[in-house]
Amino acid sequence: MKRLVLISAIFFITIFGAFAQHKSDTAFIIVDIQNNYFEKGSMPLVNPIEASLNARKLLDKFRSEGKMVIHVQHLSKKAMEKYPDVAFGSRIHENVKPMGSENIVIKHFPNAFKETTLLDDLKRNDIKHVVICGMMTHMCVDATVRAAKDFGFDVTVISDACATRDLDFNGYQIKAADVHNAFLAAFAYAYAGVKTTAQYLGGK
């Protein structure tokens, strides 16, 4: 009997010790890395493959440490009404494909917090710090980063795990690199710490 009690105690200490080790107040949010932003999609970005592969490196790290991962998937209401089959474009890209146990938040607006479960999901898991990457830097990443900061989260943006595209404004052509860097500079000014994948993985 005593031996059984001892074995049971060791078992529960091991299980709860492992849980405590992996319990974290940090979550990884991957915003809209979906097929539409790649070569065969409706709105291909500049260097989406490179960004998605960097996101995958981060995803692997968070998974290995048992930390919370949230995939954000944008489904456009207009596109769904206009095009009955939007499955391919809206599908999360294979490079960051969710695992069965990972949370997928469906959104219809640039801000991943608007009319979604994201805020409740983070609060329920006692998350204080969010690491964000995804597509596009100037739109859904931007809206989500700013909202996260306004909700009181500590925010880190992974610069080379985000991607965007060339823009046109009043006839002025803005290259994707300039769009990308301008928004990263704005994040760094008041909304987030900005790091590369290597810096984050290296603990810098």
Protein backbone atom coordinates (compact mmCIF):
# COMPACT_ATOMS: atom_id res chain seq x y z
CA MET A 1 0.00 0.00 0.00
CA LYS A 2 2.75 2.43 0.93
CA ARG A 3 4.56 1.55 -2.30
CA LEU A 4 1.40 2.31 -4.31
CA VAL A 5 0.99 5.67 -2.56
CA LEU A 6 4.64 6.52 -3.23
CA ILE A 7 4.34 5.61 -6.92
CA SER A 8 1.15 7.67 -7.22
CA ALA A 9 2.82 10.66 -5.56
CA ILE A 10 5.79 10.47 -7.90
CA PHE A 11 3.44 10.24 -10.90
CA PHE A 12 1.45 13.34 -9.94
CA ILE A 13 4.55 15.34 -9.08
CA THR A 14 6.01 14.47 -12.49
CA ILE A 15 2.82 15.37 -14.37
CA PHE A 16 2.17 18.63 -12.54
CA GLY A 17 5.84 19.54 -12.63
CA ALA A 18 5.85 19.19 -16.39
CA PHE A 19 2.68 21.28 -16.61
CA ALA A 20 4.20 24.01 -14.47
CA GLN A 21 7.35 23.95 -16.57
CA HIS A 22 5.37 24.57 -19.78
CA LYS A 23 2.86 27.02 -18.32
CA SER A 24 3.68 30.40 -19.82
CA ASP A 25 2.21 33.88 -19.99
CA THR A 26 3.41 34.20 -23.61
CA ALA A 27 1.40 33.27 -26.71
CA PHE A 28 2.34 33.14 -30.38
CA ILE A 29 -0.21 34.67 -32.77
CA ILE A 30 0.15 33.93 -36.49
CA VAL A 31 -1.98 36.35 -38.49
CA ASP A 32 -3.40 35.34 -41.88
CA ILE A 33 -0.55 33.32 -43.39
CA GLN A 34 -2.96 32.05 -46.03
CA ASN A 35 -2.72 30.84 -49.62
CA ASN A 36 -4.07 34.07 -51.11
CA TYR A 37 -0.78 35.81 -50.25
CA PHE A 38 1.41 33.33 -52.14
CA GLU A 39 2.24 32.87 -55.80
CA LYS A 40 -1.01 31.19 -56.86
CA GLY A 41 -3.21 33.35 -54.64
CA SER A 42 -5.33 36.38 -55.45
CA MET A 43 -3.00 38.86 -53.72
CA PRO A 44 0.62 37.62 -53.78
CA LEU A 45 3.01 39.47 -51.49
CA VAL A 46 6.73 40.13 -51.67
CA ASN A 47 8.76 37.28 -50.12
CA PRO A 48 5.85 35.38 -48.54
CA ILE A 49 7.72 32.06 -48.56
CA GLU A 50 10.63 33.46 -46.55
CA ALA A 51 8.25 35.04 -44.04
CA SER A 52 6.26 31.83 -43.66
CA LEU A 53 9.39 29.74 -43.11
CA ASN A 54 10.52 32.11 -40.37
CA ALA A 55 7.07 31.87 -38.83
CA ARG A 56 7.46 28.09 -38.92
CA LYS A 57 10.71 28.29 -36.96
CA LEU A 58 8.91 30.22 -34.25
CA LEU A 59 5.96 27.86 -34.40
CA ASP A 60 8.27 24.89 -33.87
CA LYS A 61 9.82 26.58 -30.83
CA PHE A 62 6.49 27.42 -29.22
CA ARG A 63 5.23 23.90 -29.85
CA SER A 64 8.35 22.32 -28.39
CA GLU A 65 7.97 24.42 -25.24
CA GLY A 66 4.27 23.71 -24.88
CA LYS A 67 3.35 27.39 -25.16
CA MET A 68 0.08 28.72 -26.51
CA VAL A 69 -0.25 29.05 -30.30
CA ILE A 70 -3.11 30.87 -32.01
CA HIS A 71 -3.68 30.82 -35.77
CA VAL A 72 -5.75 33.73 -37.09
CA GLN A 73 -7.61 33.04 -40.32
CA HIS A 74 -9.30 35.80 -42.30
CA LEU A 75 -12.53 34.99 -44.10
CA SER A 76 -13.81 37.93 -46.11
CA LYS A 77 -17.58 38.22 -45.99
CA LYS A 78 -17.60 39.99 -49.37
CA ALA A 79 -15.47 37.29 -50.98
CA MET A 80 -17.63 34.56 -49.49
CA GLU A 81 -20.74 36.21 -50.94
CA LYS A 82 -19.18 36.88 -54.35
CA TYR A 83 -17.22 33.65 -54.79
CA PRO A 84 -18.87 30.45 -53.51
CA ASP A 85 -15.53 28.59 -53.50
CA VAL A 86 -12.94 30.54 -51.55
CA ALA A 87 -11.51 27.48 -49.84
CA PHE A 88 -8.07 27.48 -51.46
CA GLY A 89 -7.24 31.14 -50.95
CA SER A 90 -8.48 31.34 -47.39
CA ARG A 91 -6.77 28.13 -46.31
CA ILE A 92 -3.84 28.53 -43.89
CA HIS A 93 -0.61 27.88 -45.76
CA GLU A 94 1.02 24.48 -45.46
CA ASN A 95 4.19 25.99 -43.96
CA VAL A 96 2.34 26.96 -40.78
CA LYS A 97 -0.48 24.44 -40.89
CA PRO A 98 -2.25 24.17 -37.49
CA MET A 99 -2.08 21.03 -35.45
CA GLY A 100 -5.32 19.53 -34.19
CA SER A 101 -4.97 20.92 -30.68
CA GLU A 102 -4.13 24.50 -31.70
CA ASN A 103 -6.63 27.32 -31.57
CA ILE A 104 -7.87 28.87 -34.84
CA VAL A 105 -9.52 32.27 -34.55
CA ILE A 106 -11.73 33.22 -37.50
CA LYS A 107 -11.96 36.94 -38.25
CA HIS A 108 -13.76 39.12 -40.79
CA PHE A 109 -11.94 42.41 -40.15
CA PRO A 110 -8.26 43.47 -40.16
CA ASN A 111 -8.20 43.60 -36.35
CA ALA A 112 -8.03 40.01 -35.06
CA PHE A 113 -9.69 41.10 -31.81
CA LYS A 114 -12.80 42.57 -33.44
CA GLU A 115 -15.85 40.32 -33.02
CA THR A 116 -13.68 37.24 -32.33
CA THR A 117 -12.79 35.05 -29.37
CA LEU A 118 -9.14 36.17 -29.32
CA LEU A 119 -9.23 38.44 -26.28
CA ASP A 120 -11.17 35.93 -24.21
CA ASP A 121 -8.82 33.12 -25.29
CA LEU A 122 -5.79 35.10 -24.15
CA LYS A 123 -7.33 36.19 -20.86
CA ARG A 124 -8.55 32.69 -20.04
CA ASN A 125 -4.97 31.43 -20.38
CA ASP A 126 -3.48 34.30 -18.32
CA ILE A 127 -1.47 35.56 -21.29
CA LYS A 128 0.41 38.82 -20.73
CA HIS A 129 2.82 38.84 -23.69
CA VAL A 130 1.98 38.17 -27.33
CA VAL A 131 4.44 37.46 -30.13
CA ILE A 132 2.89 38.39 -33.46
CA CYS A 133 3.79 37.78 -37.08
CA GLY A 134 1.92 37.30 -40.34
CA MET A 135 0.39 39.01 -43.34
CA MET A 136 0.00 41.77 -44.30
CA THR A 137 2.35 43.99 -42.29
CA HIS A 138 0.49 47.19 -43.18
CA MET A 139 -3.02 45.86 -42.66
CA CYS A 140 -4.03 42.93 -40.43
CA VAL A 141 -0.72 42.70 -38.57
CA ASP A 142 -0.84 46.44 -37.94
CA ALA A 143 -4.45 46.43 -36.72
CA THR A 144 -3.86 43.43 -34.46
CA VAL A 145 -0.62 44.76 -32.95
CA ARG A 146 -2.18 48.10 -32.06
CA ALA A 147 -5.27 46.46 -30.57
CA ALA A 148 -3.14 44.06 -28.52
CA LYS A 149 -1.20 46.97 -27.06
CA ASP A 150 -4.40 48.89 -26.32
CA PHE A 151 -5.73 45.85 -24.47
CA GLY A 152 -2.67 45.95 -22.24
CA PHE A 153 -0.56 43.14 -23.68
CA ASP A 154 3.20 43.33 -23.99
CA VAL A 155 3.80 42.89 -27.73
CA THR A 156 6.71 41.59 -29.80
CA VAL A 157 6.57 41.67 -33.60
CA ILE A 158 8.84 39.36 -35.59
CA SER A 159 9.88 41.51 -38.53
CA ASP A 160 11.09 38.87 -40.99
CA ALA A 161 8.10 36.60 -40.31
CA CYS A 162 5.80 39.28 -41.76
CA ALA A 163 5.26 40.26 -45.38
CA THR A 164 3.43 42.87 -47.39
CA ARG A 165 3.14 44.19 -50.96
CA ASP A 166 3.71 47.25 -53.13
CA LEU A 167 1.11 49.97 -52.65
CA ASP A 168 -0.14 52.83 -54.75
CA PHE A 169 -1.40 56.09 -53.26
CA ASN A 170 -2.43 59.06 -55.38
CA GLY A 171 -0.21 57.79 -58.17
CA TYR A 172 2.78 57.39 -55.89
CA GLN A 173 4.32 53.92 -55.97
CA ILE A 174 5.46 52.60 -52.59
CA LYS A 175 7.67 49.53 -52.62
CA ALA A 176 6.83 46.66 -50.30
CA ALA A 177 10.12 47.02 -48.44
CA ASP A 178 9.31 50.66 -47.67
CA VAL A 179 5.77 49.83 -46.59
CA HIS A 180 7.07 47.02 -44.38
CA ASN A 181 9.82 49.06 -42.74
CA ALA A 182 7.62 52.11 -42.18
CA PHE A 183 5.08 50.06 -40.24
CA LEU A 184 7.79 48.26 -38.27
CA ALA A 185 9.25 51.63 -37.34
CA ALA A 186 5.83 52.76 -36.13
CA PHE A 187 5.46 49.59 -34.04
CA ALA A 188 8.88 50.10 -32.48
CA TYR A 189 8.10 53.72 -31.66
CA ALA A 190 5.13 53.05 -29.39
CA TYR A 191 3.46 49.67 -29.81
CA ALA A 192 5.88 46.74 -29.77
CA GLY A 193 9.35 45.40 -29.51
CA VAL A 194 10.51 44.46 -33.00
CA LYS A 195 12.90 41.54 -33.48
CA THR A 196 14.07 39.26 -36.25
CA THR A 197 13.47 35.53 -36.00
CA ALA A 198 17.13 34.94 -35.17
CA GLN A 199 17.08 37.56 -32.44
CA TYR A 200 13.97 36.14 -30.82
CA LEU A 201 15.12 32.54 -31.01
CA GLY A 202 18.52 33.58 -29.71
CA GLY A 203 16.99 35.34 -26.74
CA LYS A 204 18.21 38.77 -27.79
